[in-house]
């Protein structure tokens, strides 16, 4: 995990609620629309993170079986991520 959603004017939770769609945790890379990226929201206890899955390997890393932190998988349009300054390898 190396690219994150950190909106300048809202919380990541509000951004995801307004701009993302929750999808099943098991959603496959090929099932994600080409104009979107998966974003995994993770509760780390004292803070949360919203990591961008920019390729299939990153998406799979979010689902490491030994990682039992609470998580939700969202799909977000790339254009919405770029509007708030998100970057990722293309």
N, C-alpha and C. Protein backbone atom coordinates (compact mmCIF):
# COMPACT_ATOMS: atom_id res chain seq x y z
N UNK A 1 0.84 -1.18 0.00
CA UNK A 1 0.00 0.00 0.00
C UNK A 1 0.89 1.24 0.00
N UNK A 2 0.73 2.04 -1.02
CA UNK A 2 1.58 3.19 -1.08
C UNK A 2 0.91 4.46 -1.57
N UNK A 3 -0.32 4.40 -2.07
CA UNK A 3 -1.02 5.57 -2.59
C UNK A 3 -2.35 5.66 -1.87
N UNK A 4 -2.61 6.82 -1.28
CA UNK A 4 -3.74 6.97 -0.37
C UNK A 4 -4.67 8.11 -0.76
N UNK A 5 -5.91 8.00 -0.31
CA UNK A 5 -6.92 9.03 -0.47
C UNK A 5 -6.89 9.90 0.78
N UNK A 6 -6.54 11.18 0.62
CA UNK A 6 -6.53 12.15 1.71
C UNK A 6 -7.10 13.47 1.20
N UNK A 7 -8.43 13.56 1.13
CA UNK A 7 -9.05 14.77 0.59
C UNK A 7 -8.71 16.01 1.43
N UNK A 8 -8.45 17.13 0.77
CA UNK A 8 -8.07 18.34 1.51
C UNK A 8 -9.23 19.00 2.26
N UNK A 9 -10.48 18.78 1.80
CA UNK A 9 -11.60 19.52 2.39
C UNK A 9 -12.63 18.64 3.09
N UNK A 10 -12.35 17.35 3.23
CA UNK A 10 -13.28 16.47 3.92
C UNK A 10 -12.51 15.28 4.47
N UNK A 11 -13.22 14.43 5.19
CA UNK A 11 -12.59 13.20 5.65
C UNK A 11 -12.58 12.19 4.52
N UNK A 12 -11.72 11.22 4.62
CA UNK A 12 -11.71 10.16 3.61
C UNK A 12 -13.03 9.39 3.64
N UNK A 13 -13.61 9.25 4.83
CA UNK A 13 -14.89 8.55 4.94
C UNK A 13 -16.00 9.29 4.20
N UNK A 14 -16.04 10.62 4.36
CA UNK A 14 -17.05 11.41 3.64
C UNK A 14 -16.81 11.36 2.13
N UNK A 15 -15.55 11.45 1.73
CA UNK A 15 -15.24 11.37 0.30
C UNK A 15 -15.72 10.03 -0.27
N UNK A 16 -15.41 8.94 0.41
CA UNK A 16 -15.82 7.62 -0.09
C UNK A 16 -17.33 7.46 -0.09
N UNK A 17 -18.01 7.98 0.92
CA UNK A 17 -19.47 7.91 0.97
C UNK A 17 -20.10 8.68 -0.19
N UNK A 18 -19.50 9.81 -0.54
CA UNK A 18 -20.05 10.66 -1.60
C UNK A 18 -19.62 10.23 -3.01
N UNK A 19 -18.46 9.59 -3.14
CA UNK A 19 -17.89 9.33 -4.46
C UNK A 19 -17.62 7.86 -4.77
N UNK A 20 -17.72 7.02 -3.79
CA UNK A 20 -17.42 5.61 -4.01
C UNK A 20 -18.65 4.73 -3.92
N UNK A 21 -18.48 3.51 -4.36
CA UNK A 21 -19.52 2.49 -4.25
C UNK A 21 -18.90 1.30 -3.53
N UNK A 22 -19.52 0.89 -2.43
CA UNK A 22 -19.02 -0.29 -1.73
C UNK A 22 -19.30 -1.50 -2.59
N UNK A 23 -18.28 -2.34 -2.74
CA UNK A 23 -18.41 -3.57 -3.52
C UNK A 23 -17.98 -4.74 -2.63
N UNK A 24 -18.35 -5.96 -3.01
CA UNK A 24 -17.94 -7.11 -2.21
C UNK A 24 -16.42 -7.17 -2.07
N UNK A 25 -15.98 -7.58 -0.90
CA UNK A 25 -14.56 -7.67 -0.59
C UNK A 25 -13.80 -8.53 -1.59
N UNK A 26 -14.46 -9.51 -2.17
CA UNK A 26 -13.84 -10.46 -3.09
C UNK A 26 -13.82 -9.99 -4.53
N UNK A 27 -14.28 -8.77 -4.79
CA UNK A 27 -14.35 -8.26 -6.17
C UNK A 27 -13.00 -8.42 -6.87
N UNK A 28 -13.04 -8.95 -8.07
CA UNK A 28 -11.82 -9.19 -8.85
C UNK A 28 -11.44 -7.93 -9.64
N UNK A 29 -10.14 -7.81 -9.93
CA UNK A 29 -9.61 -6.68 -10.69
C UNK A 29 -10.37 -6.50 -12.00
N UNK A 30 -10.61 -7.59 -12.71
CA UNK A 30 -11.27 -7.50 -14.03
C UNK A 30 -12.74 -7.10 -13.94
N UNK A 31 -13.31 -7.11 -12.74
CA UNK A 31 -14.70 -6.71 -12.57
C UNK A 31 -14.85 -5.22 -12.26
N UNK A 32 -13.73 -4.53 -12.13
CA UNK A 32 -13.75 -3.10 -11.83
C UNK A 32 -13.77 -2.32 -13.15
N UNK A 33 -14.72 -1.40 -13.31
CA UNK A 33 -14.77 -0.62 -14.55
C UNK A 33 -13.43 0.06 -14.84
N UNK A 34 -13.10 0.17 -16.12
CA UNK A 34 -11.80 0.71 -16.55
C UNK A 34 -11.59 2.16 -16.13
N UNK A 35 -12.68 2.90 -15.90
CA UNK A 35 -12.54 4.30 -15.50
C UNK A 35 -12.52 4.47 -13.98
N UNK A 36 -12.38 3.35 -13.26
CA UNK A 36 -12.40 3.36 -11.80
C UNK A 36 -11.20 2.62 -11.23
N UNK A 37 -10.98 2.81 -9.93
CA UNK A 37 -9.97 2.07 -9.19
C UNK A 37 -10.57 1.59 -7.88
N UNK A 38 -10.08 0.47 -7.37
CA UNK A 38 -10.52 0.03 -6.04
C UNK A 38 -9.80 0.85 -4.97
N UNK A 39 -10.53 1.17 -3.92
CA UNK A 39 -9.96 1.86 -2.77
C UNK A 39 -10.36 1.06 -1.54
N UNK A 40 -9.36 0.62 -0.78
CA UNK A 40 -9.62 -0.16 0.42
C UNK A 40 -9.53 0.76 1.64
N UNK A 41 -10.67 0.89 2.32
CA UNK A 41 -10.70 1.63 3.58
C UNK A 41 -10.31 0.65 4.67
N UNK A 42 -9.38 1.06 5.54
CA UNK A 42 -8.86 0.18 6.59
C UNK A 42 -8.90 0.93 7.93
N UNK A 43 -9.43 0.25 8.94
CA UNK A 43 -9.42 0.80 10.29
C UNK A 43 -8.17 0.29 11.00
N UNK A 44 -7.25 1.20 11.26
CA UNK A 44 -6.00 0.86 11.93
C UNK A 44 -6.05 1.08 13.44
N UNK A 45 -7.23 1.28 13.99
CA UNK A 45 -7.35 1.55 15.42
C UNK A 45 -7.35 3.05 15.67
N UNK A 46 -6.16 3.63 15.92
CA UNK A 46 -6.13 5.07 16.20
C UNK A 46 -6.37 5.95 14.97
N UNK A 47 -6.30 5.39 13.78
CA UNK A 47 -6.55 6.16 12.56
C UNK A 47 -7.04 5.21 11.47
N UNK A 48 -7.60 5.80 10.42
CA UNK A 48 -8.04 5.02 9.27
C UNK A 48 -7.20 5.39 8.06
N UNK A 49 -7.24 4.54 7.06
CA UNK A 49 -6.54 4.79 5.80
C UNK A 49 -7.45 4.36 4.66
N UNK A 50 -7.25 4.97 3.50
CA UNK A 50 -7.96 4.60 2.29
C UNK A 50 -6.92 4.46 1.19
N UNK A 51 -6.54 3.23 0.92
CA UNK A 51 -5.44 2.95 -0.01
C UNK A 51 -5.98 2.64 -1.40
N UNK A 52 -5.31 3.18 -2.40
CA UNK A 52 -5.70 2.98 -3.79
C UNK A 52 -5.04 1.71 -4.32
N UNK A 53 -5.86 0.82 -4.85
CA UNK A 53 -5.35 -0.40 -5.49
C UNK A 53 -5.17 -0.12 -6.97
N UNK A 54 -3.96 0.22 -7.36
CA UNK A 54 -3.73 0.68 -8.73
C UNK A 54 -3.39 -0.44 -9.70
N UNK A 55 -3.26 -1.67 -9.21
CA UNK A 55 -3.04 -2.82 -10.09
C UNK A 55 -3.52 -4.08 -9.36
N UNK A 56 -3.61 -5.21 -10.06
CA UNK A 56 -4.13 -6.43 -9.42
C UNK A 56 -3.32 -6.87 -8.20
N UNK A 57 -2.01 -6.70 -8.25
CA UNK A 57 -1.16 -7.10 -7.12
C UNK A 57 -1.49 -6.28 -5.87
N UNK A 58 -1.67 -4.98 -6.04
CA UNK A 58 -2.03 -4.13 -4.90
C UNK A 58 -3.39 -4.52 -4.34
N UNK A 59 -4.35 -4.78 -5.21
CA UNK A 59 -5.67 -5.18 -4.75
C UNK A 59 -5.58 -6.47 -3.95
N UNK A 60 -4.82 -7.43 -4.43
CA UNK A 60 -4.65 -8.69 -3.69
C UNK A 60 -3.96 -8.47 -2.35
N UNK A 61 -3.01 -7.55 -2.29
CA UNK A 61 -2.29 -7.28 -1.04
C UNK A 61 -3.25 -6.78 0.04
N UNK A 62 -4.29 -6.07 -0.35
CA UNK A 62 -5.26 -5.58 0.62
C UNK A 62 -6.00 -6.72 1.31
N UNK A 63 -6.03 -7.87 0.66
CA UNK A 63 -6.83 -8.98 1.17
C UNK A 63 -5.98 -10.09 1.80
N UNK A 64 -4.81 -9.75 2.27
CA UNK A 64 -3.94 -10.71 2.94
C UNK A 64 -4.74 -11.41 4.05
N UNK A 65 -4.86 -12.73 3.99
CA UNK A 65 -5.70 -13.45 4.96
C UNK A 65 -5.32 -13.24 6.43
N UNK A 66 -4.07 -13.00 6.72
CA UNK A 66 -3.63 -12.83 8.11
C UNK A 66 -3.92 -11.42 8.65
N UNK A 67 -4.30 -10.50 7.77
CA UNK A 67 -4.60 -9.12 8.17
C UNK A 67 -6.08 -9.05 8.55
N UNK A 68 -6.35 -8.97 9.84
CA UNK A 68 -7.74 -9.01 10.30
C UNK A 68 -8.30 -7.64 10.69
N UNK A 69 -7.66 -6.56 10.23
CA UNK A 69 -8.21 -5.23 10.49
C UNK A 69 -9.54 -5.07 9.77
N UNK A 70 -10.49 -4.31 10.34
CA UNK A 70 -11.74 -4.04 9.64
C UNK A 70 -11.47 -3.28 8.34
N UNK A 71 -12.12 -3.73 7.26
CA UNK A 71 -11.90 -3.14 5.93
C UNK A 71 -13.21 -3.07 5.15
N UNK A 72 -13.25 -2.14 4.22
CA UNK A 72 -14.34 -2.04 3.24
C UNK A 72 -13.71 -1.72 1.90
N UNK A 73 -14.21 -2.35 0.86
CA UNK A 73 -13.70 -2.12 -0.49
C UNK A 73 -14.69 -1.24 -1.26
N UNK A 74 -14.15 -0.16 -1.81
CA UNK A 74 -14.93 0.78 -2.62
C UNK A 74 -14.38 0.78 -4.04
N UNK A 75 -15.21 1.18 -4.97
CA UNK A 75 -14.79 1.49 -6.33
C UNK A 75 -15.06 2.97 -6.53
N UNK A 76 -14.03 3.68 -7.01
CA UNK A 76 -14.14 5.14 -7.18
C UNK A 76 -13.66 5.50 -8.57
N UNK A 77 -14.36 6.41 -9.21
CA UNK A 77 -13.94 6.88 -10.53
C UNK A 77 -12.57 7.55 -10.43
N UNK A 78 -11.71 7.26 -11.39
CA UNK A 78 -10.37 7.86 -11.42
C UNK A 78 -10.46 9.38 -11.43
N UNK A 79 -11.42 9.92 -12.17
CA UNK A 79 -11.55 11.38 -12.26
C UNK A 79 -11.84 12.00 -10.89
N UNK A 80 -12.63 11.33 -10.07
CA UNK A 80 -12.94 11.84 -8.72
C UNK A 80 -11.69 11.81 -7.84
N UNK A 81 -10.88 10.76 -7.98
CA UNK A 81 -9.63 10.67 -7.22
C UNK A 81 -8.66 11.78 -7.64
N UNK A 82 -8.58 12.02 -8.94
CA UNK A 82 -7.67 13.07 -9.43
C UNK A 82 -8.12 14.46 -8.99
N UNK A 83 -9.44 14.67 -8.88
CA UNK A 83 -9.96 15.97 -8.44
C UNK A 83 -9.43 16.37 -7.07
N UNK A 84 -9.14 15.38 -6.21
CA UNK A 84 -8.65 15.71 -4.86
C UNK A 84 -7.14 15.53 -4.76
N UNK A 85 -6.47 15.37 -5.90
CA UNK A 85 -5.01 15.33 -5.91
C UNK A 85 -4.38 13.96 -5.75
N UNK A 86 -5.17 12.91 -5.84
CA UNK A 86 -4.60 11.56 -5.72
C UNK A 86 -3.73 11.25 -6.95
N UNK A 87 -2.67 10.53 -6.69
CA UNK A 87 -1.79 10.05 -7.76
C UNK A 87 -1.54 8.57 -7.55
N UNK A 88 -1.18 7.90 -8.64
CA UNK A 88 -0.83 6.48 -8.61
C UNK A 88 -0.10 6.16 -9.89
N UNK A 89 0.68 5.09 -9.90
CA UNK A 89 1.35 4.69 -11.15
C UNK A 89 0.32 4.25 -12.17
N UNK A 90 0.47 4.70 -13.38
CA UNK A 90 -0.50 4.32 -14.43
C UNK A 90 0.08 3.21 -15.28
